[in-house]
N, C-alpha and C. Protein backbone atom coordinates (compact mmCIF):
# COMPACT_ATOMS: atom_id res chain seq x y z
N LEU A 1 13.89 -5.63 -18.44
CA LEU A 1 13.26 -4.45 -18.07
C LEU A 1 12.25 -4.62 -16.98
N GLN A 2 11.50 -5.78 -17.03
CA GLN A 2 10.43 -6.02 -16.02
C GLN A 2 11.07 -5.94 -14.61
N ARG A 3 12.30 -6.47 -14.45
CA ARG A 3 13.01 -6.46 -13.13
C ARG A 3 13.47 -5.11 -12.77
N ALA A 4 13.91 -4.39 -13.76
CA ALA A 4 14.65 -3.06 -13.50
C ALA A 4 13.66 -1.91 -13.35
N ALA A 5 12.50 -2.02 -13.96
CA ALA A 5 11.61 -0.83 -14.01
C ALA A 5 10.91 -0.82 -12.63
N PRO A 6 10.84 0.43 -12.06
CA PRO A 6 10.13 0.64 -10.76
C PRO A 6 8.63 0.65 -10.97
N MET A 7 8.13 0.77 -12.16
CA MET A 7 6.74 0.84 -12.31
C MET A 7 6.30 -0.46 -13.04
N LYS A 8 4.94 -0.83 -12.93
CA LYS A 8 4.37 -1.97 -13.56
C LYS A 8 4.21 -1.78 -15.05
N ILE A 9 4.72 -2.59 -15.87
CA ILE A 9 4.45 -2.52 -17.39
C ILE A 9 3.10 -3.15 -17.64
N THR A 10 2.25 -2.44 -18.25
CA THR A 10 0.76 -3.05 -18.41
C THR A 10 0.63 -3.50 -19.87
N ARG A 11 1.19 -2.73 -20.79
CA ARG A 11 1.07 -3.09 -22.27
C ARG A 11 2.25 -2.64 -23.07
N VAL A 12 2.47 -3.32 -24.13
CA VAL A 12 3.51 -2.94 -25.01
C VAL A 12 2.89 -2.97 -26.50
N LEU A 13 3.34 -2.07 -27.34
CA LEU A 13 2.92 -1.99 -28.64
C LEU A 13 4.18 -2.26 -29.55
N THR A 14 4.00 -3.33 -30.40
CA THR A 14 5.19 -3.68 -31.24
C THR A 14 4.72 -3.68 -32.71
N ASP A 15 5.70 -3.71 -33.61
CA ASP A 15 5.35 -3.98 -34.99
C ASP A 15 5.13 -5.41 -35.21
N ASN A 16 4.95 -5.80 -36.52
CA ASN A 16 4.60 -7.19 -36.80
C ASN A 16 5.77 -8.03 -37.25
N GLY A 17 6.98 -7.63 -36.76
CA GLY A 17 8.13 -8.38 -37.09
C GLY A 17 8.15 -9.78 -36.49
N LYS A 18 9.04 -10.65 -37.08
CA LYS A 18 9.10 -12.05 -36.58
C LYS A 18 9.53 -12.16 -35.10
N ALA A 19 10.20 -11.15 -34.63
CA ALA A 19 10.57 -11.15 -33.22
C ALA A 19 9.47 -11.04 -32.24
N PHE A 20 8.22 -10.58 -32.75
CA PHE A 20 7.14 -10.27 -31.80
C PHE A 20 5.88 -10.99 -32.19
N THR A 21 5.70 -11.53 -33.38
CA THR A 21 4.51 -12.29 -33.71
C THR A 21 4.65 -13.35 -34.75
N ASP A 22 3.70 -14.25 -34.74
CA ASP A 22 3.70 -15.30 -35.85
C ASP A 22 2.64 -15.00 -36.87
N ARG A 23 2.11 -13.80 -36.90
CA ARG A 23 1.13 -13.42 -37.91
C ARG A 23 1.85 -13.22 -39.23
N LEU A 24 1.35 -13.75 -40.31
CA LEU A 24 1.96 -13.61 -41.56
C LEU A 24 1.09 -12.69 -42.46
N PHE A 25 1.76 -12.09 -43.51
CA PHE A 25 1.10 -11.21 -44.40
C PHE A 25 1.20 -11.69 -45.80
N GLY A 26 0.61 -10.97 -46.75
CA GLY A 26 0.73 -11.38 -48.17
C GLY A 26 -0.43 -12.40 -48.43
N LEU A 27 -0.13 -13.45 -49.17
CA LEU A 27 -1.10 -14.47 -49.50
C LEU A 27 -1.50 -15.29 -48.28
N ARG A 28 -0.81 -15.29 -47.26
CA ARG A 28 -1.12 -16.22 -46.12
C ARG A 28 -1.45 -15.37 -44.80
N LYS A 29 -2.42 -14.45 -44.95
CA LYS A 29 -2.79 -13.69 -43.78
C LYS A 29 -3.51 -14.59 -42.82
N ARG A 30 -3.12 -14.34 -41.51
CA ARG A 30 -3.77 -15.07 -40.39
C ARG A 30 -3.65 -14.24 -39.15
N ALA A 31 -4.51 -14.56 -38.22
CA ALA A 31 -4.41 -13.88 -36.96
C ALA A 31 -3.21 -14.42 -36.13
N ALA A 32 -2.71 -13.61 -35.22
CA ALA A 32 -1.67 -14.09 -34.35
C ALA A 32 -2.23 -15.16 -33.45
N THR A 33 -1.39 -16.24 -33.19
CA THR A 33 -1.98 -17.35 -32.44
C THR A 33 -1.81 -17.16 -30.92
N GLY A 34 -1.01 -16.22 -30.51
CA GLY A 34 -0.79 -15.99 -29.07
C GLY A 34 0.26 -17.00 -28.55
N GLN A 35 0.85 -17.86 -29.39
CA GLN A 35 1.77 -18.89 -28.96
C GLN A 35 3.18 -18.53 -29.31
N HIS A 36 3.40 -17.36 -29.81
CA HIS A 36 4.79 -16.86 -30.07
C HIS A 36 5.58 -16.69 -28.71
N GLU A 37 6.80 -16.83 -28.79
CA GLU A 37 7.60 -16.75 -27.53
C GLU A 37 7.41 -15.41 -26.85
N PHE A 38 7.34 -14.30 -27.59
CA PHE A 38 7.12 -12.93 -27.02
C PHE A 38 5.80 -12.87 -26.39
N ASP A 39 4.71 -13.45 -27.11
CA ASP A 39 3.34 -13.31 -26.51
C ASP A 39 3.32 -14.14 -25.23
N LEU A 40 3.93 -15.32 -25.19
CA LEU A 40 3.96 -16.18 -24.01
C LEU A 40 4.59 -15.51 -22.80
N LEU A 41 5.79 -14.73 -23.09
CA LEU A 41 6.48 -14.00 -22.08
C LEU A 41 5.56 -12.89 -21.57
N CYS A 42 4.90 -12.13 -22.44
CA CYS A 42 4.03 -11.07 -21.97
C CYS A 42 2.87 -11.64 -21.22
N THR A 43 2.33 -12.73 -21.58
CA THR A 43 1.29 -13.35 -20.73
C THR A 43 1.73 -13.79 -19.32
N ASP A 44 2.95 -14.35 -19.34
CA ASP A 44 3.49 -14.74 -17.97
C ASP A 44 3.72 -13.47 -17.12
N LEU A 45 4.09 -12.42 -17.70
CA LEU A 45 4.34 -11.15 -16.95
C LEU A 45 3.08 -10.29 -16.65
N GLY A 46 1.98 -10.71 -17.28
CA GLY A 46 0.78 -9.94 -17.15
C GLY A 46 0.72 -8.64 -17.94
N ILE A 47 1.36 -8.74 -19.12
CA ILE A 47 1.54 -7.60 -19.94
C ILE A 47 0.61 -7.79 -21.23
N GLU A 48 -0.16 -6.87 -21.58
CA GLU A 48 -0.93 -6.87 -22.87
C GLU A 48 -0.02 -6.57 -23.96
N HIS A 49 0.01 -7.46 -24.95
CA HIS A 49 0.79 -7.24 -26.14
C HIS A 49 -0.10 -6.88 -27.35
N ARG A 50 0.07 -5.68 -27.81
CA ARG A 50 -0.63 -5.09 -28.91
C ARG A 50 0.21 -5.02 -30.18
N LEU A 51 -0.37 -5.25 -31.25
CA LEU A 51 0.41 -5.25 -32.57
C LEU A 51 -0.06 -4.00 -33.37
N ALA A 52 0.89 -3.20 -33.87
CA ALA A 52 0.60 -2.10 -34.75
C ALA A 52 -0.18 -2.57 -35.94
N PRO A 53 -1.13 -1.88 -36.49
CA PRO A 53 -1.85 -2.23 -37.68
C PRO A 53 -0.88 -2.40 -38.82
N PRO A 54 -1.06 -3.50 -39.63
CA PRO A 54 -0.08 -3.63 -40.79
C PRO A 54 -0.34 -2.49 -41.82
N MET A 55 0.79 -2.13 -42.50
CA MET A 55 0.70 -1.14 -43.51
C MET A 55 0.40 0.18 -43.00
N ARG A 56 0.70 0.44 -41.73
CA ARG A 56 0.50 1.80 -41.06
C ARG A 56 1.84 2.33 -40.52
N PRO A 57 2.69 2.82 -41.35
CA PRO A 57 3.97 3.29 -40.84
C PRO A 57 3.85 4.44 -39.93
N GLN A 58 2.66 5.16 -39.97
CA GLN A 58 2.47 6.34 -39.11
C GLN A 58 2.57 5.84 -37.62
N THR A 59 1.87 4.73 -37.33
CA THR A 59 1.86 4.17 -35.96
C THR A 59 3.29 3.80 -35.56
N ASN A 60 3.97 3.17 -36.42
CA ASN A 60 5.40 2.82 -36.00
C ASN A 60 6.26 4.03 -35.84
N GLY A 61 6.03 5.07 -36.60
CA GLY A 61 6.85 6.28 -36.49
C GLY A 61 6.49 6.95 -35.13
N MET A 62 5.23 6.89 -34.79
CA MET A 62 4.77 7.56 -33.43
C MET A 62 5.51 6.83 -32.35
N VAL A 63 5.44 5.52 -32.39
CA VAL A 63 6.04 4.73 -31.31
C VAL A 63 7.57 5.09 -31.18
N GLU A 64 8.27 5.13 -32.37
CA GLU A 64 9.71 5.39 -32.37
C GLU A 64 9.98 6.77 -31.87
N ARG A 65 9.16 7.80 -32.12
CA ARG A 65 9.35 9.12 -31.60
C ARG A 65 9.25 9.07 -30.03
N PHE A 66 8.18 8.38 -29.62
CA PHE A 66 7.91 8.27 -28.18
C PHE A 66 9.13 7.71 -27.45
N ASN A 67 9.58 6.55 -28.02
CA ASN A 67 10.73 5.82 -27.48
C ASN A 67 11.95 6.78 -27.48
N GLY A 68 12.11 7.52 -28.45
CA GLY A 68 13.22 8.51 -28.45
C GLY A 68 13.12 9.51 -27.49
N ARG A 69 11.93 10.01 -27.18
CA ARG A 69 11.74 10.99 -26.08
C ARG A 69 12.09 10.44 -24.72
N ILE A 70 11.64 9.17 -24.50
CA ILE A 70 11.99 8.54 -23.21
C ILE A 70 13.43 8.39 -23.08
N GLU A 71 14.08 7.93 -24.13
CA GLU A 71 15.54 7.71 -24.12
C GLU A 71 16.25 9.09 -23.72
N ASP A 72 15.81 10.23 -24.33
CA ASP A 72 16.37 11.49 -24.03
C ASP A 72 16.24 11.87 -22.60
N VAL A 73 15.03 11.58 -22.00
CA VAL A 73 14.88 11.91 -20.58
C VAL A 73 15.73 11.06 -19.73
N LEU A 74 15.83 9.80 -20.00
CA LEU A 74 16.69 8.94 -19.27
C LEU A 74 18.16 9.27 -19.27
N GLN A 75 18.59 9.73 -20.42
CA GLN A 75 20.00 10.02 -20.51
C GLN A 75 20.43 11.52 -19.93
N SER A 76 19.32 12.33 -19.82
CA SER A 76 19.64 13.72 -19.45
C SER A 76 19.25 13.99 -17.92
N HIS A 77 18.69 13.04 -17.21
CA HIS A 77 18.22 13.25 -15.90
C HIS A 77 18.91 12.20 -14.94
N ARG A 78 19.07 12.69 -13.72
CA ARG A 78 19.47 11.73 -12.66
C ARG A 78 18.16 11.53 -11.72
N PHE A 79 17.90 10.34 -11.41
CA PHE A 79 16.68 10.07 -10.61
C PHE A 79 17.15 9.57 -9.18
N HIS A 80 16.57 10.07 -8.20
CA HIS A 80 16.94 9.85 -6.84
C HIS A 80 16.20 8.45 -6.28
N SER A 81 15.11 8.15 -6.99
CA SER A 81 14.40 6.92 -6.57
C SER A 81 13.55 6.47 -7.71
N GLY A 82 12.97 5.25 -7.46
CA GLY A 82 12.17 4.65 -8.45
C GLY A 82 10.83 5.54 -8.59
N GLU A 83 10.32 6.18 -7.56
CA GLU A 83 9.20 7.00 -7.65
C GLU A 83 9.50 8.29 -8.39
N ASP A 84 10.71 8.80 -8.27
CA ASP A 84 11.11 10.00 -9.03
C ASP A 84 11.10 9.67 -10.56
N LEU A 85 11.63 8.44 -10.90
CA LEU A 85 11.59 8.08 -12.30
C LEU A 85 10.23 7.87 -12.78
N GLU A 86 9.39 7.27 -11.97
CA GLU A 86 7.97 7.03 -12.37
C GLU A 86 7.21 8.31 -12.62
N GLN A 87 7.42 9.32 -11.69
CA GLN A 87 6.73 10.60 -11.88
C GLN A 87 7.15 11.29 -13.10
N THR A 88 8.44 11.21 -13.52
CA THR A 88 8.91 11.76 -14.74
C THR A 88 8.46 11.10 -15.96
N ILE A 89 8.40 9.84 -15.99
CA ILE A 89 7.88 8.99 -17.14
C ILE A 89 6.44 9.12 -17.37
N LEU A 90 5.72 9.01 -16.28
CA LEU A 90 4.25 9.05 -16.41
C LEU A 90 3.80 10.42 -16.55
């Protein structure tokens, strides 16, 4: 996505799944170390990685709805340039 997107990605918000963080919950709570593969990739690309608060399904639902809206726009429009896409998304 970093190579394909015409605009600069500055931050991403993810859930606390194993694919995105090494933070654990339950009896072994700890802060994310920043050494997870996804964190390192974001750091290399200059992207701020934010984690949704645990036990807050409202936040995850909000992100899923927003992603669905972006998907609808991308599937229903033709863009003539990267600038055209950026104006529509932003």
